[in-house]
Amino acid sequence: MKLNRLYILMLLLFSVVSCTRQEDIILNEESGYINFNVSQDKSLIIVNTRVADPIYKVKILNSAGVAIKTFDNHKEITGPIAVKPGKYTVVGISYNMESVLAQDANGKYPEDYQAIFDKPVYQAQQEVEIVKGKTENVDLLCTLSQVKVTVAADDAIKANFKEIIVTVTNAQDFTNGDNNLIFSSADGTIGKAGYFRNNLGTLRYTITLTNNDGEVSSGDVSGLIEGVNAREHYILNLTLSGDNEGSAIVPGITADPSTNDRYFTVKINLNKSAKPVFTSEGLDLTSTPLAGNSVEPVVTYIAVGSDMARKVMVEAAAGIKSLVMTHNNETMIKNGFPRRVDLANISQMQSDSLTRNLFRWSGSVSGATQTTMDFTSFIYYLPLGTYAITVEVMDEQNQMVSKDINFAVIPAEETSTLAPASNPAVNKTGAIWGKHAYLYGMYNTQTQPAGMGFEYKTVGSGSWTKVTSGLVVSGSTYYVKLTGLQPSTQYVYRAVSDKEPSATEIKFTTLPANQMYNMRFEEWDGNSANASGATQIWDNGNEAASMAGISPTTRTTTTATSGSQYAVQLKSESAMGVLAAGSHFIGTFQELVGIKGAKINFGKPYDSKPLTLKGYLSYSPAEITKTKSPYNDLKGQMDYCQIYVVLADWPGGYFAVNTASDPKVLIDPKEGKDPYIIGYGSIEKNVNTNGYIEFEIPIEYRNDRVPTCCTIVCSSSKYGDYFTGGPGSVLLVDEFEFTF
């Protein structure tokens, strides 16, 4: 094994300067030395490439953990480095690369991630105490600081399932997407290596399968791998079993001592029993999808002293093997409620603790096909506060399902005001918009009180407006969609009944409801839809076609309405035998890349959340005669125009398109492909509209985040990025407008 070594000498620098800067003299006189060697050991993990001379990042941290010296490239260290006496931690990091690794688009390095594909981090650190006038030697051997995970599927699995998804996390559950990696046969990640920080010494996984008939089986196979260590390589082998009595998972790990590989076999049993199922009474077990793959458990609000039944029921056809409750609530801990308890394998001491806390469960749990956990009396005596309990059941076939129980004990009153929040069943895309909002409340009586509803007003005004109609009730909670609000305005609301208003008043501010600049296309500077000297918002691809002496995008006086002077004309033309589609977009044309394509930044700053994009279009398509792979099969068909809108929070405020690269870098609006896309909508036409028609594109939002940027893209040929379309296709657009 070859070791690459790095020597850095931190020397005592004796001062020979005058006393004009006393603080510098004292610092230098108090300096000491560190002499350290950094090397790399890759022997315990199989790697595809070996780097003869990797770059090392070096950090020197003080006793507070603050980096006082950082070198991204150890080769830049050309002389001695002085440090004051004290305790330090010297850290060496290598990425097994011969070049300096820059920060990614998120401003992070691989070691900043909980989980990451294909980026191993070799790391070591050592504490050292520097004494005045002395040299301390530090020898760092950088080893893999993460746990490596790969997924393999046998031929039988591949033959029976057209899509395999394995989600792995280093956290206690899958709620935080930053801790998860998704290995998928659809996008090729199932063949990649995943690297995880070793936080808990465990890895959890869940498997989602889609059979050849398109039926999806989600979470049927889940499991926990314990005793996990850094530098180990865990290979999840997916195999097929038809054993009706067999386990869904074969427990245990087969180790290969020569490579530190750990083979963990997951047996997919097509004949196994149904996985365990949770149901509940008086407690909401659902979750709200968030950005990426994260979810947020829904909170059940409970008035203090409420005696409404609060139960969780579990059914497991194969029999219960374990039923584990975990929590980290300090109030519950002080009351003696165990942090972790397995009701199927409970000790007498734990049983007594639960009984004292008035928690009840039905009979013997081990092997039972159903059981009930009764939280009613336990919750009745809890003080005000928020509580979170995770319940995880595993059946005798090792199928594991977990649920989060999140609840809050709130003051007793007929109605209580709840904060506006995303709700998976109502408004997962956000509670507060530009001109409407969802208000939430709950009633604490046995039946709905008379006059139940809300009151709201603008902050600072004196009179309340009452709303009692349009309420949607679910259990003891209710909400209303409040419309007719003013954008960028602060409101306050409270839940009410005829008896009394809630003591809790909650403020919210509606979002802006802005239009992008020049959406009616009345301002022009040549063939650019921007006023002379104004900040550029709109751009086109004319620069790419200029070498052929054509301008596919131009101003036209053929407008949609009598009050309009100008519109935009986009025409697909043949330039030197290649299709040049007319394009018009919010963003910036960056540069032409030879004759292969161009670099374009799609997007400009924007902070509103419109519901639709309205406007007028006129389209006259031509036959597609110019094609390039992968769209050669479109030759002879009629051309398509396309208009689409994207609301996003891309880093930097734009998406960098590169139509010259291989593969091309383009916006992919498919759900789950680009985590920064918040909302998307599009319209396409391949028929002659015989003049202008009005259109309205609904914007479908995917989460509750607020956009930071927006782009609208118009093209006379949908596949113009691939030089595919019909020369002569003409698209006119006019009078764009966002609606709220």
Foldseek 3Di string as FASTA:
>chain_A
DDKAKAWAKAAQDQDPDDCPPVVVNVQSQQWFMEIEIEIEDEQQADDDDAAPHWFKWKFKAAPVRHTPDIDLGSVVRDDHHIDGFHKIKIKIKTQRDRDRDAQDLVRDDPVVFQKDWPTWMWMWMDMDTTGRPYYHYYYTYTYTQWEKEAEAEDPVQVQFFVKKKKKKFLDPDPQDVSRIDIQMPVVRSNGIIMTGHNDPQKMKMFMWTQGPVRDIDGLQAIDMDHRHDGSAYEYEYEEEDADLLAAQFDDDWDADVSRNYTYGYGYHHPNYDGAKDKDWFQFAFDWFAFFFRHTHGDAREAEAQFQGWTKMKMFGPQAWAWKKKAFDDPVLVVQQQDRIATQQDGDPSNVVSCVSLVWDKDDHRGRDRMIMTTCRSNRNPDDFDKTKMKIWIAGPSRRIDITITIYGHDHDDQKWWDDFDADRVPHQQAQAAFFKGKTKMFGHDPDRAAAWFKWKDFPPDDDTDTDDPQWDDDPGMIMHIGGGHHGQTKMKMFIAHPVGTHPDIDIDHHHHFDDDPQQQQQADDFFASHHVPDDHFKDWDQVLQVVQPDGQKGWDQQADDPVGRIWIKGFWAQRPNFIDWTKMKGWAFDAADPNQGGKTWHKDFDFHDFFKKKWKKFKDWDAKCWFFPPVPVSHRATFKKKKKKWFFARSVGTQIWALRDVVTRDDDPPPSPDSGTFWMWMDMDRHGPVGMDMDMTGIDGDGHDTGGIMMMMIILGPVVSRRIGGGGIMMIIRDIDTHD
